[in-house]
C-alpha atoms as a PDB file:
ATOM      1  CA  UNK A   1       0.000   0.000   0.000  1.00  0.00           C
ATOM      2  CA  UNK A   2       2.815   2.441   0.773  1.00  0.00           C
ATOM      3  CA  UNK A   3       4.109   1.980  -2.793  1.00  0.00           C
ATOM      4  CA  UNK A   4       0.662   2.930  -4.131  1.00  0.00           C
ATOM      5  CA  UNK A   5       0.828   6.186  -2.193  1.00  0.00           C
ATOM      6  CA  UNK A   6       4.396   6.717  -3.403  1.00  0.00           C
ATOM      7  CA  UNK A   7       3.266   6.107  -6.976  1.00  0.00           C
ATOM      8  CA  UNK A   8       0.474   8.681  -6.660  1.00  0.00           C
ATOM      9  CA  UNK A   9       2.824  11.207  -5.072  1.00  0.00           C
ATOM     10  CA  UNK A  10       5.458  10.658  -7.742  1.00  0.00           C
ATOM     11  CA  UNK A  11       3.011  10.867 -10.660  1.00  0.00           C
ATOM     12  CA  UNK A  12       1.578  14.166  -9.460  1.00  0.00           C
ATOM     13  CA  UNK A  13       4.553  15.912  -7.883  1.00  0.00           C
ATOM     14  CA  UNK A  14       7.627  13.865  -8.901  1.00  0.00           C
ATOM     15  CA  UNK A  15      10.270  14.485  -6.182  1.00  0.00           C
ATOM     16  CA  UNK A  16       9.668  14.816  -3.221  1.00  0.00           C
ATOM     17  CA  UNK A  17       6.136  13.585  -3.859  1.00  0.00           C
ATOM     18  CA  UNK A  18       7.249   9.970  -3.675  1.00  0.00           C
ATOM     19  CA  UNK A  19       8.824  10.611  -0.258  1.00  0.00           C
ATOM     20  CA  UNK A  20       5.660  12.064   1.253  1.00  0.00           C
ATOM     21  CA  UNK A  21       3.515   9.462  -0.458  1.00  0.00           C
ATOM     22  CA  UNK A  22       5.707   6.645   0.803  1.00  0.00           C
ATOM     23  CA  UNK A  23       5.447   7.996   4.337  1.00  0.00           C
ATOM     24  CA  UNK A  24       1.664   8.376   4.236  1.00  0.00           C
ATOM     25  CA  UNK A  25       1.389   4.908   2.754  1.00  0.00           C
ATOM     26  CA  UNK A  26       3.482   3.565   5.618  1.00  0.00           C
ATOM     27  CA  UNK A  27       1.080   5.160   8.096  1.00  0.00           C
ATOM     28  CA  UNK A  28      -1.916   3.698   6.280  1.00  0.00           C
ATOM     29  CA  UNK A  29      -0.313   0.269   6.051  1.00  0.00           C
ATOM     30  CA  UNK A  30       0.641   0.297   9.730  1.00  0.00           C
ATOM     31  CA  UNK A  31      -2.880   1.282  10.761  1.00  0.00           C
ATOM     32  CA  UNK A  32      -4.291  -1.644   8.776  1.00  0.00           C
ATOM     33  CA  UNK A  33      -1.980  -3.969  10.695  1.00  0.00           C
ATOM     34  CA  UNK A  34      -3.097  -2.536  14.029  1.00  0.00           C
ATOM     35  CA  UNK A  35       0.205  -0.782  14.732  1.00  0.00           C
ATOM     36  CA  UNK A  36      -1.512   2.602  14.494  1.00  0.00           C
ATOM     37  CA  UNK A  37      -5.217   2.703  15.347  1.00  0.00           C
ATOM     38  CA  UNK A  38      -6.328   6.128  14.322  1.00  0.00           C
ATOM     39  CA  UNK A  39      -9.047   8.210  12.703  1.00  0.00           C
ATOM     40  CA  UNK A  40      -8.586  10.153   9.489  1.00  0.00           C
ATOM     41  CA  UNK A  41      -8.008  13.287  11.580  1.00  0.00           C
ATOM     42  CA  UNK A  42      -5.198  11.603  13.508  1.00  0.00           C
ATOM     43  CA  UNK A  43      -3.593  10.464  10.252  1.00  0.00           C
ATOM     44  CA  UNK A  44      -3.656  14.058   8.996  1.00  0.00           C
ATOM     45  CA  UNK A  45      -2.056  15.197  12.242  1.00  0.00           C
ATOM     46  CA  UNK A  46       0.626  12.548  11.832  1.00  0.00           C
ATOM     47  CA  UNK A  47       1.266  13.768   8.299  1.00  0.00           C
ATOM     48  CA  UNK A  48       1.753  17.319   9.592  1.00  0.00           C
ATOM     49  CA  UNK A  49       4.082  15.997  12.277  1.00  0.00           C
ATOM     50  CA  UNK A  50       6.158  14.443   9.509  1.00  0.00           C
ATOM     51  CA  UNK A  51       6.129  17.599   7.371  1.00  0.00           C
ATOM     52  CA  UNK A  52       7.319  19.743  10.285  1.00  0.00           C
ATOM     53  CA  UNK A  53      10.080  17.313  11.201  1.00  0.00           C
ATOM     54  CA  UNK A  54      11.297  17.062   7.626  1.00  0.00           C
ATOM     55  CA  UNK A  55      11.419  20.870   7.519  1.00  0.00           C
ATOM     56  CA  UNK A  56      13.302  20.896  10.830  1.00  0.00           C
ATOM     57  CA  UNK A  57      15.917  18.489   9.445  1.00  0.00           C
ATOM     58  CA  UNK A  58      16.247  20.636   6.330  1.00  0.00           C
ATOM     59  CA  UNK A  59      16.837  23.681   8.543  1.00  0.00           C
ATOM     60  CA  UNK A  60      19.528  21.830  10.519  1.00  0.00           C
ATOM     61  CA  UNK A  61      21.363  20.919   7.323  1.00  0.00           C
ATOM     62  CA  UNK A  62      21.148  24.458   5.950  1.00  0.00           C
ATOM     63  CA  UNK A  63      22.506  25.971   9.174  1.00  0.00           C
ATOM     64  CA  UNK A  64      25.208  23.345   9.715  1.00  0.00           C
ATOM     65  CA  UNK A  65      28.006  25.377   8.096  1.00  0.00           C
ATOM     66  CA  UNK A  66      27.109  28.573   9.936  1.00  0.00           C
ATOM     67  CA  UNK A  67      25.635  30.290   6.910  1.00  0.00           C
ATOM     68  CA  UNK A  68      22.265  30.194   5.244  1.00  0.00           C
ATOM     69  CA  UNK A  69      22.338  30.590   1.472  1.00  0.00           C
ATOM     70  CA  UNK A  70      19.356  31.816  -0.503  1.00  0.00           C
ATOM     71  CA  UNK A  71      19.719  28.945  -2.969  1.00  0.00           C
ATOM     72  CA  UNK A  72      19.214  26.406  -0.174  1.00  0.00           C
ATOM     73  CA  UNK A  73      16.204  28.263   1.233  1.00  0.00           C
ATOM     74  CA  UNK A  74      14.716  28.627  -2.239  1.00  0.00           C
ATOM     75  CA  UNK A  75      15.202  24.926  -2.933  1.00  0.00           C
ATOM     76  CA  UNK A  76      13.394  23.842   0.244  1.00  0.00           C
ATOM     77  CA  UNK A  77      10.509  26.258  -0.274  1.00  0.00           C
ATOM     78  CA  UNK A  78      10.175  25.301  -3.945  1.00  0.00           C
ATOM     79  CA  UNK A  79       9.966  21.615  -3.073  1.00  0.00           C
ATOM     80  CA  UNK A  80       7.331  22.173  -0.393  1.00  0.00           C
ATOM     81  CA  UNK A  81       5.284  24.463  -2.677  1.00  0.00           C
ATOM     82  CA  UNK A  82       5.548  21.964  -5.512  1.00  0.00           C
ATOM     83  CA  UNK A  83       4.156  19.156  -3.419  1.00  0.00           C
ATOM     84  CA  UNK A  84       1.680  20.856  -1.095  1.00  0.00           C
ATOM     85  CA  UNK A  85       0.709  23.935  -3.074  1.00  0.00           C
ATOM     86  CA  UNK A  86       1.531  27.479  -2.047  1.00  0.00           C
ATOM     87  CA  UNK A  87      -1.211  27.844   0.574  1.00  0.00           C
ATOM     88  CA  UNK A  88      -0.459  24.564   2.336  1.00  0.00           C
ATOM     89  CA  UNK A  89       3.309  25.136   2.175  1.00  0.00           C
ATOM     90  CA  UNK A  90       2.901  28.610   3.691  1.00  0.00           C
ATOM     91  CA  UNK A  91       0.825  27.085   6.497  1.00  0.00           C
ATOM     92  CA  UNK A  92       3.554  24.537   7.221  1.00  0.00           C
ATOM     93  CA  UNK A  93       6.182  27.278   7.364  1.00  0.00           C
ATOM     94  CA  UNK A  94       3.956  29.417   9.617  1.00  0.00           C
ATOM     95  CA  UNK A  95       3.384  26.574  12.089  1.00  0.00           C
ATOM     96  CA  UNK A  96       7.069  25.728  12.024  1.00  0.00           C
ATOM     97  CA  UNK A  97       8.185  29.328  12.677  1.00  0.00           C
ATOM     98  CA  UNK A  98       5.508  30.190  15.254  1.00  0.00           C
ATOM     99  CA  UNK A  99       5.431  27.033  17.358  1.00  0.00           C
ATOM    100  CA  UNK A 100       7.495  24.069  16.279  1.00  0.00           C
ATOM    101  CA  UNK A 101      10.899  25.763  15.988  1.00  0.00           C
ATOM    102  CA  UNK A 102      10.613  27.346  19.424  1.00  0.00           C
ATOM    103  CA  UNK A 103      10.096  23.960  21.072  1.00  0.00           C
ATOM    104  CA  UNK A 104      13.734  23.170  20.332  1.00  0.00           C
ATOM    105  CA  UNK A 105      13.237  19.636  19.026  1.00  0.00           C
ATOM    106  CA  UNK A 106      16.515  17.815  18.462  1.00  0.00           C
ATOM    107  CA  UNK A 107      17.760  15.701  15.581  1.00  0.00           C
ATOM    108  CA  UNK A 108      17.799  12.618  17.805  1.00  0.00           C
ATOM    109  CA  UNK A 109      14.122  13.136  18.739  1.00  0.00           C
ATOM    110  CA  UNK A 110      13.215  13.492  15.070  1.00  0.00           C
ATOM    111  CA  UNK A 111      15.238  10.403  14.239  1.00  0.00           C
ATOM    112  CA  UNK A 112      13.404   8.380  16.876  1.00  0.00           C
ATOM    113  CA  UNK A 113      10.073   9.638  15.551  1.00  0.00           C
ATOM    114  CA  UNK A 114      10.937   8.632  11.976  1.00  0.00           C
ATOM    115  CA  UNK A 115      12.360   5.236  12.939  1.00  0.00           C
ATOM    116  CA  UNK A 116       9.162   4.354  14.780  1.00  0.00           C
ATOM    117  CA  UNK A 117       6.862   5.491  11.972  1.00  0.00           C
ATOM    118  CA  UNK A 118       8.580   4.935   8.623  1.00  0.00           C
ATOM    119  CA  UNK A 119      10.150   2.123   6.647  1.00  0.00           C
ATOM    120  CA  UNK A 120      13.903   2.049   6.086  1.00  0.00           C
ATOM    121  CA  UNK A 121      13.501   2.770   2.374  1.00  0.00           C
ATOM    122  CA  UNK A 122      11.557   5.952   3.114  1.00  0.00           C
ATOM    123  CA  UNK A 123      14.327   7.178   5.413  1.00  0.00           C
ATOM    124  CA  UNK A 124      16.892   6.573   2.665  1.00  0.00           C
ATOM    125  CA  UNK A 125      14.826   8.795   0.373  1.00  0.00           C
ATOM    126  CA  UNK A 126      14.683  11.464   3.091  1.00  0.00           C
ATOM    127  CA  UNK A 127      18.479  11.352   3.396  1.00  0.00           C
ATOM    128  CA  UNK A 128      18.769  11.744  -0.373  1.00  0.00           C
ATOM    129  CA  UNK A 129      16.477  14.795  -0.129  1.00  0.00           C
ATOM    130  CA  UNK A 130      18.650  16.311   2.618  1.00  0.00           C
ATOM    131  CA  UNK A 131      21.767  15.777   0.502  1.00  0.00           C
ATOM    132  CA  UNK A 132      20.027  17.608  -2.353  1.00  0.00           C
ATOM    133  CA  UNK A 133      19.387  20.545  -0.032  1.00  0.00           C
ATOM    134  CA  UNK A 134      23.025  20.660   1.054  1.00  0.00           C
ATOM    135  CA  UNK A 135      24.126  20.546  -2.596  1.00  0.00           C
ATOM    136  CA  UNK A 136      21.685  23.310  -3.658  1.00  0.00           C
ATOM    137  CA  UNK A 137      24.407  25.962  -3.290  1.00  0.00           C
ATOM    138  CA  UNK A 138      26.834  23.952  -5.417  1.00  0.00           C
ATOM    139  CA  UNK A 139      28.674  21.880  -2.833  1.00  0.00           C
ATOM    140  CA  UNK A 140      28.204  19.840   0.326  1.00  0.00           C
ATOM    141  CA  UNK A 141      30.466  21.459   2.918  1.00  0.00           C
ATOM    142  CA  UNK A 142      32.275  19.424   5.607  1.00  0.00           C
ATOM    143  CA  UNK A 143      30.014  20.751   8.418  1.00  0.00           C
ATOM    144  CA  UNK A 144      26.946  19.864   6.354  1.00  0.00           C
ATOM    145  CA  UNK A 145      28.374  16.419   5.726  1.00  0.00           C
ATOM    146  CA  UNK A 146      28.955  15.950   9.462  1.00  0.00           C
ATOM    147  CA  UNK A 147      25.353  16.969  10.175  1.00  0.00           C
ATOM    148  CA  UNK A 148      24.026  14.612   7.496  1.00  0.00           C
ATOM    149  CA  UNK A 149      26.044  11.756   8.989  1.00  0.00           C
ATOM    150  CA  UNK A 150      24.682  12.595  12.445  1.00  0.00           C
ATOM    151  CA  UNK A 151      21.094  12.689  11.185  1.00  0.00           C
ATOM    152  CA  UNK A 152      21.581   9.421   9.293  1.00  0.00           C
ATOM    153  CA  UNK A 153      22.754   7.793  12.506  1.00  0.00           C
ATOM    154  CA  UNK A 154      19.653   8.932  14.368  1.00  0.00           C
ATOM    155  CA  UNK A 155      17.528   7.558  11.517  1.00  0.00           C
ATOM    156  CA  UNK A 156      19.414   4.247  11.851  1.00  0.00           C
ATOM    157  CA  UNK A 157      20.769   4.337   8.329  1.00  0.00           C
ATOM    158  CA  UNK A 158      23.810   2.111   8.108  1.00  0.00           C
ATOM    159  CA  UNK A 159      27.202   3.453   7.084  1.00  0.00           C
ATOM    160  CA  UNK A 160      27.332   1.520   3.821  1.00  0.00           C
ATOM    161  CA  UNK A 161      24.074   3.069   2.622  1.00  0.00           C
ATOM    162  CA  UNK A 162      25.128   6.516   3.850  1.00  0.00           C
ATOM    163  CA  UNK A 163      28.411   6.327   1.947  1.00  0.00           C
ATOM    164  CA  UNK A 164      26.651   5.109  -1.177  1.00  0.00           C
ATOM    165  CA  UNK A 165      24.310   8.134  -1.168  1.00  0.00           C
ATOM    166  CA  UNK A 166      27.170  10.450  -0.226  1.00  0.00           C
ATOM    167  CA  UNK A 167      29.183   9.296  -3.236  1.00  0.00           C
ATOM    168  CA  UNK A 168      26.387  10.531  -5.498  1.00  0.00           C
ATOM    169  CA  UNK A 169      26.730  14.103  -4.192  1.00  0.00           C
ATOM    170  CA  UNK A 170      30.320  14.459  -2.972  1.00  0.00           C
ATOM    171  CA  UNK A 171      33.134  13.969  -5.484  1.00  0.00           C
ATOM    172  CA  UNK A 172      35.878  11.681  -4.228  1.00  0.00           C
ATOM    173  CA  UNK A 173      38.563   9.585  -5.843  1.00  0.00           C
ATOM    174  CA  UNK A 174      36.905   6.301  -4.935  1.00  0.00           C
ATOM    175  CA  UNK A 175      33.259   7.288  -5.600  1.00  0.00           C
ATOM    176  CA  UNK A 176      32.812   4.523  -8.167  1.00  0.00           C
ATOM    177  CA  UNK A 177      34.080   1.924  -5.707  1.00  0.00           C
ATOM    178  CA  UNK A 178      31.805   3.253  -2.971  1.00  0.00           C
ATOM    179  CA  UNK A 179      28.770   3.032  -5.240  1.00  0.00           C
ATOM    180  CA  UNK A 180      29.684  -0.560  -6.082  1.00  0.00           C
ATOM    181  CA  UNK A 181      30.196  -1.165  -2.348  1.00  0.00           C
ATOM    182  CA  UNK A 182      33.735  -2.508  -2.709  1.00  0.00           C
ATOM    183  CA  UNK A 183      37.085  -1.153  -1.575  1.00  0.00           C
ATOM    184  CA  UNK A 184      39.619   0.302  -3.992  1.00  0.00           C
ATOM    185  CA  UNK A 185      41.895  -2.631  -3.179  1.00  0.00           C
ATOM    186  CA  UNK A 186      39.328  -5.123  -4.479  1.00  0.00           C
ATOM    187  CA  UNK A 187      40.523  -7.429  -7.229  1.00  0.00           C
ATOM    188  CA  UNK A 188      39.127  -7.244 -10.756  1.00  0.00           C
ATOM    189  CA  UNK A 189      37.159 -10.410 -10.112  1.00  0.00           C
ATOM    190  CA  UNK A 190      35.722  -8.947  -6.895  1.00  0.00           C
ATOM    191  CA  UNK A 191      34.695  -5.780  -8.750  1.00  0.00           C
ATOM    192  CA  UNK A 192      33.014  -7.820 -11.490  1.00  0.00           C
ATOM    193  CA  UNK A 193      31.239  -9.971  -8.924  1.00  0.00           C
ATOM    194  CA  UNK A 194      30.037  -6.907  -6.990  1.00  0.00           C
ATOM    195  CA  UNK A 195      28.747  -5.377 -10.217  1.00  0.00           C
ATOM    196  CA  UNK A 196      26.864  -8.531 -11.188  1.00  0.00           C
ATOM    197  CA  UNK A 197      25.324  -8.799  -7.728  1.00  0.00           C
ATOM    198  CA  UNK A 198      24.195  -5.162  -7.736  1.00  0.00           C
ATOM    199  CA  UNK A 199      22.778  -5.446 -11.243  1.00  0.00           C
ATOM    200  CA  UNK A 200      20.679  -8.399 -10.123  1.00  0.00           C
ATOM    201  CA  UNK A 201      19.652  -6.636  -6.930  1.00  0.00           C
ATOM    202  CA  UNK A 202      18.754  -3.262  -8.452  1.00  0.00           C
ATOM    203  CA  UNK A 203      17.532  -4.120 -11.943  1.00  0.00           C
ATOM    204  CA  UNK A 204      14.345  -2.090 -12.634  1.00  0.00           C
ATOM    205  CA  UNK A 205      12.441  -5.258 -13.514  1.00  0.00           C
ATOM    206  CA  UNK A 206      12.727  -6.294  -9.863  1.00  0.00           C
ATOM    207  CA  UNK A 207      10.424  -3.483  -8.721  1.00  0.00           C
ATOM    208  CA  UNK A 208       8.134  -3.089 -11.728  1.00  0.00           C
ATOM    209  CA  UNK A 209       5.176  -4.407  -9.727  1.00  0.00           C
ATOM    210  CA  UNK A 210       5.712  -1.753  -7.034  1.00  0.00           C
ATOM    211  CA  UNK A 211       4.765   1.186  -9.229  1.00  0.00           C
ATOM    212  CA  UNK A 212       6.451   3.845 -11.328  1.00  0.00           C
ATOM    213  CA  UNK A 213       8.085   5.665  -8.412  1.00  0.00           C
ATOM    214  CA  UNK A 214       9.996   2.548  -7.390  1.00  0.00           C
ATOM    215  CA  UNK A 215      10.830   1.702 -11.001  1.00  0.00           C
ATOM    216  CA  UNK A 216      12.191   5.185 -11.757  1.00  0.00           C
ATOM    217  CA  UNK A 217      14.318   5.119  -8.598  1.00  0.00           C
ATOM    218  CA  UNK A 218      15.669   1.699  -9.586  1.00  0.00           C
ATOM    219  CA  UNK A 219      16.514   2.949 -13.083  1.00  0.00           C
ATOM    220  CA  UNK A 220      18.453   5.885 -11.643  1.00  0.00           C
ATOM    221  CA  UNK A 221      20.349   3.623  -9.270  1.00  0.00           C
ATOM    222  CA  UNK A 222      20.956   1.109 -12.079  1.00  0.00           C
ATOM    223  CA  UNK A 223      22.478   3.829 -14.267  1.00  0.00           C
ATOM    224  CA  UNK A 224      24.775   4.961 -11.461  1.00  0.00           C
ATOM    225  CA  UNK A 225      25.925   1.377 -10.937  1.00  0.00           C
ATOM    226  CA  UNK A 226      26.651   0.983 -14.642  1.00  0.00           C
ATOM    227  CA  UNK A 227      28.578   4.258 -14.802  1.00  0.00           C
ATOM    228  CA  UNK A 228      30.605   3.373 -11.710  1.00  0.00           C
ATOM    229  CA  UNK A 229      31.510   0.017 -13.244  1.00  0.00           C
ATOM    230  CA  UNK A 230      32.489   1.624 -16.560  1.00  0.00           C
ATOM    231  CA  UNK A 231      34.668   4.156 -14.733  1.00  0.00           C
ATOM    232  CA  UNK A 232      36.511   1.382 -12.920  1.00  0.00           C
ATOM    233  CA  UNK A 233      36.868  -0.640 -16.131  1.00  0.00           C
ATOM    234  CA  UNK A 234      38.393   2.359 -17.896  1.00  0.00           C
ATOM    235  CA  UNK A 235      40.697   3.038 -14.958  1.00  0.00           C
ATOM    236  CA  UNK A 236      41.922  -0.554 -14.730  1.00  0.00           C
ATOM    237  CA  UNK A 237      41.736  -1.435 -18.403  1.00  0.00           C
ATOM    238  CA  UNK A 238      39.935  -4.762 -18.108  1.00  0.00           C
END
């Protein structure tokens, strides 16, 4: 069910529509299983809780390097307006600025909230969104990277997955190896094996039944895997 919501969100609003849709679908799915027994009004409140916490995380990332750039602020506002519409987005920002921000909620509290209410895959998409915010001004600074790593820890995202997403936004000499989830000292055979395993794991056909949002995400990941493998092949000459 969560993939259905993600599909609807993605079809209407692209990114981050799939993120919000995936989250709402997770709530709906959990309520059907008895994990969350709630009325429609409570579900709406839970959705607003999520929106405010996602905005709070975005604010933490933006402020991590001690400066707030207009490009980062514009990116966050544009994404919220795109998904929720201008009126709803303005309401979210008003509630955040008038009440939520003053409560001083911490990243660890938000992480605990998300871990208890979302699937791991949804949190990976949130981390990707936060990396996009950090990169909105052209680069992910070291303080921003430290904050992203801290947030990822609170969301219980493992280091391997964090480094894989990081390699897509932060240029480094071993980015291709990180994406393939092997070390630079890996043998040619180990690189080939890792590539084959990832191709099988992330081929778009594997998620075709989960909707277009999942399929598009798999295609993007599949392309990154292929490019990483080609880069290593060219470097090593095999």
